[in-house]
Amino acid sequence: MDTEVMFSSKTNEWETPQWLFDKLDKQYNFVLDPCATNENHKCKCWYGEWENGLIQNWTKYGTVFMNPPYGREIGKWIKKAYEESLKGATVVCLLPARTDTKWFHDYIYGKAKIEFIKGRLKFGRSENSAPFPSMIVILGEV
């Protein structure tokens, strides 16, 4: 098993499995993917790194799908999702299930609907499952 990338900091981008996005999109009809790349965006409207989705207005899009970079900046993305939900956006997030983190307690616990994913996801075109559990977090009106 090639775990070199999975257990390193070589990447903090974990491409959403298409089947999972399709399932969620069928329910929520996403309009915006605020932290994507040209290779992994899931919505017609999306922000790349050069546009910095952290400083953009998400509420004008209504429903947002967010699978943020999982590195040290993840807390900023979750804070932004929470703030945009307070302004009226519905933000559905695919996140690592890290219930011990400050961002989980500050912006998710008691403030969002949480659905834990059974098992471990295979992100992108990876042959192996992720080394962490995942959850779907829904912020805002549903």
Protein backbone atom coordinates (compact mmCIF):
# COMPACT_ATOMS: atom_id res chain seq x y z
CA MET A 1 0.00 0.00 0.00
CA ASP A 2 1.39 3.39 -1.02
CA THR A 3 0.87 5.60 2.01
CA GLU A 4 3.53 8.19 1.22
CA VAL A 5 1.04 10.96 0.32
CA MET A 6 -1.76 9.78 2.61
CA PHE A 7 0.31 10.20 5.78
CA SER A 8 2.38 13.20 4.73
CA SER A 9 1.75 16.90 4.34
CA LYS A 10 2.45 16.78 0.59
CA THR A 11 -1.19 17.59 -0.04
CA ASN A 12 -4.03 19.05 1.93
CA GLU A 13 -6.52 18.66 -0.92
CA TRP A 14 -8.74 15.60 -0.84
CA GLU A 15 -10.95 15.44 -3.93
CA THR A 16 -14.54 14.65 -3.09
CA PRO A 17 -15.67 11.22 -4.31
CA GLN A 18 -18.04 11.88 -7.22
CA TRP A 19 -20.68 9.46 -5.93
CA LEU A 20 -20.86 11.32 -2.61
CA PHE A 21 -21.10 14.72 -4.27
CA ASP A 22 -23.84 13.47 -6.61
CA LYS A 23 -25.84 12.10 -3.67
CA LEU A 24 -25.59 15.39 -1.76
CA ASP A 25 -26.17 17.52 -4.86
CA LYS A 26 -29.40 15.65 -5.59
CA GLN A 27 -30.64 16.72 -2.16
CA TYR A 28 -29.25 20.28 -1.96
CA ASN A 29 -28.77 21.46 -5.60
CA PHE A 30 -25.40 23.13 -5.05
CA VAL A 31 -24.47 26.32 -6.85
CA LEU A 32 -20.99 27.17 -5.47
CA ASP A 33 -17.79 25.29 -4.64
CA PRO A 34 -15.80 28.01 -2.77
CA CYS A 35 -12.42 26.32 -2.36
CA ALA A 36 -11.64 24.28 -5.44
CA THR A 37 -9.16 23.86 -8.24
CA ASN A 38 -9.60 23.61 -11.98
CA GLU A 39 -9.11 19.85 -11.64
CA ASN A 40 -11.45 19.12 -8.71
CA HIS A 41 -14.30 21.67 -8.70
CA LYS A 42 -17.74 20.12 -8.43
CA CYS A 43 -20.00 23.09 -9.23
CA LYS A 44 -20.31 25.37 -12.23
CA CYS A 45 -19.50 28.33 -9.97
CA TRP A 46 -16.31 27.94 -7.99
CA TYR A 47 -13.45 29.91 -6.46
CA GLY A 48 -9.86 28.94 -6.96
CA GLU A 49 -6.92 29.84 -4.78
CA TRP A 50 -6.28 33.05 -6.75
CA GLU A 51 -9.82 34.28 -5.98
CA ASN A 52 -9.60 33.41 -2.28
CA GLY A 53 -13.03 32.11 -1.36
CA LEU A 54 -12.42 33.24 2.21
CA ILE A 55 -13.01 36.87 1.18
CA GLN A 56 -15.90 36.26 -1.23
CA ASN A 57 -19.65 36.55 -0.62
CA TRP A 58 -21.20 33.06 -0.66
CA THR A 59 -24.74 34.03 0.28
CA LYS A 60 -25.64 35.19 -3.23
CA TYR A 61 -25.30 31.57 -4.37
CA GLY A 62 -27.72 30.11 -1.82
CA THR A 63 -26.45 26.54 -1.52
CA VAL A 64 -22.75 25.87 -1.20
CA PHE A 65 -20.72 22.66 -1.20
CA MET A 66 -17.43 22.96 0.67
CA ASN A 67 -14.64 20.42 0.87
CA PRO A 68 -11.89 22.70 2.23
CA PRO A 69 -8.14 22.12 2.26
CA TYR A 70 -7.54 19.87 5.27
CA GLY A 71 -4.35 21.55 6.44
CA ARG A 72 -3.78 24.20 9.08
CA GLU A 73 -6.15 26.62 7.33
CA ILE A 74 -9.21 24.37 7.74
CA GLY A 75 -10.45 26.33 10.75
CA LYS A 76 -10.62 29.53 8.68
CA TRP A 77 -12.78 27.78 6.08
CA ILE A 78 -15.14 26.37 8.68
CA LYS A 79 -15.45 29.75 10.38
CA LYS A 80 -16.26 31.31 6.98
CA ALA A 81 -18.89 28.61 6.28
CA TYR A 82 -20.47 29.25 9.67
CA GLU A 83 -20.50 33.03 9.13
CA GLU A 84 -22.02 32.68 5.64
CA SER A 85 -24.72 30.40 7.07
CA LEU A 86 -25.65 33.13 9.56
CA LYS A 87 -26.16 35.46 6.56
CA GLY A 88 -28.52 33.00 4.87
CA ALA A 89 -26.44 30.53 2.89
CA THR A 90 -26.80 26.78 3.31
CA VAL A 91 -23.29 25.33 3.44
CA VAL A 92 -22.80 21.57 3.24
CA CYS A 93 -19.27 20.58 4.23
CA LEU A 94 -17.26 17.41 3.76
CA LEU A 95 -14.82 17.41 6.65
CA PRO A 96 -12.49 15.15 8.56
CA ALA A 97 -14.33 13.99 11.69
CA ARG A 98 -12.09 15.75 14.19
CA THR A 99 -14.41 16.27 17.11
CA ASP A 100 -11.55 17.26 19.41
CA THR A 101 -10.66 20.44 17.51
CA LYS A 102 -11.38 24.05 18.39
CA TRP A 103 -13.14 24.62 15.04
CA PHE A 104 -15.50 21.71 15.68
CA HIS A 105 -16.58 23.10 19.05
CA ASP A 106 -16.65 26.77 17.97
CA TYR A 107 -18.53 26.43 14.67
CA ILE A 108 -20.17 23.01 14.37
CA TYR A 109 -21.12 21.33 17.65
CA GLY A 110 -24.62 22.46 18.61
CA LYS A 111 -24.81 24.75 15.57
CA ALA A 112 -25.09 22.35 12.64
CA LYS A 113 -26.52 19.06 11.53
CA ILE A 114 -23.78 16.41 11.56
CA GLU A 115 -23.79 13.12 9.67
CA PHE A 116 -20.84 10.83 10.33
CA ILE A 117 -19.80 8.70 7.37
CA LYS A 118 -19.52 5.00 8.07
CA GLY A 119 -16.09 3.67 7.17
CA ARG A 120 -13.39 5.68 5.46
CA LEU A 121 -13.73 7.46 2.13
CA LYS A 122 -11.56 6.96 -0.93
CA PHE A 123 -10.84 10.47 -2.14
CA GLY A 124 -10.24 11.34 -5.78
CA ARG A 125 -8.66 8.55 -7.75
CA SER A 126 -6.93 7.05 -4.73
CA GLU A 127 -6.80 3.28 -4.44
CA ASN A 128 -6.66 3.50 -0.64
CA SER A 129 -9.05 4.85 1.93
CA ALA A 130 -8.22 8.02 3.84
CA PRO A 131 -6.35 7.65 7.13
CA PHE A 132 -9.16 9.51 8.93
CA PRO A 133 -12.96 9.31 9.31
CA SER A 134 -15.18 11.90 7.62
CA MET A 135 -18.41 13.73 8.32
CA ILE A 136 -20.96 15.83 6.48
CA VAL A 137 -21.82 19.08 8.25
CA ILE A 138 -24.83 21.15 7.22
CA LEU A 139 -24.82 24.80 8.30
CA GLY A 140 -27.76 27.14 7.76
CA GLU A 141 -31.34 26.67 6.65
CA VAL A 142 -32.04 23.31 5.09
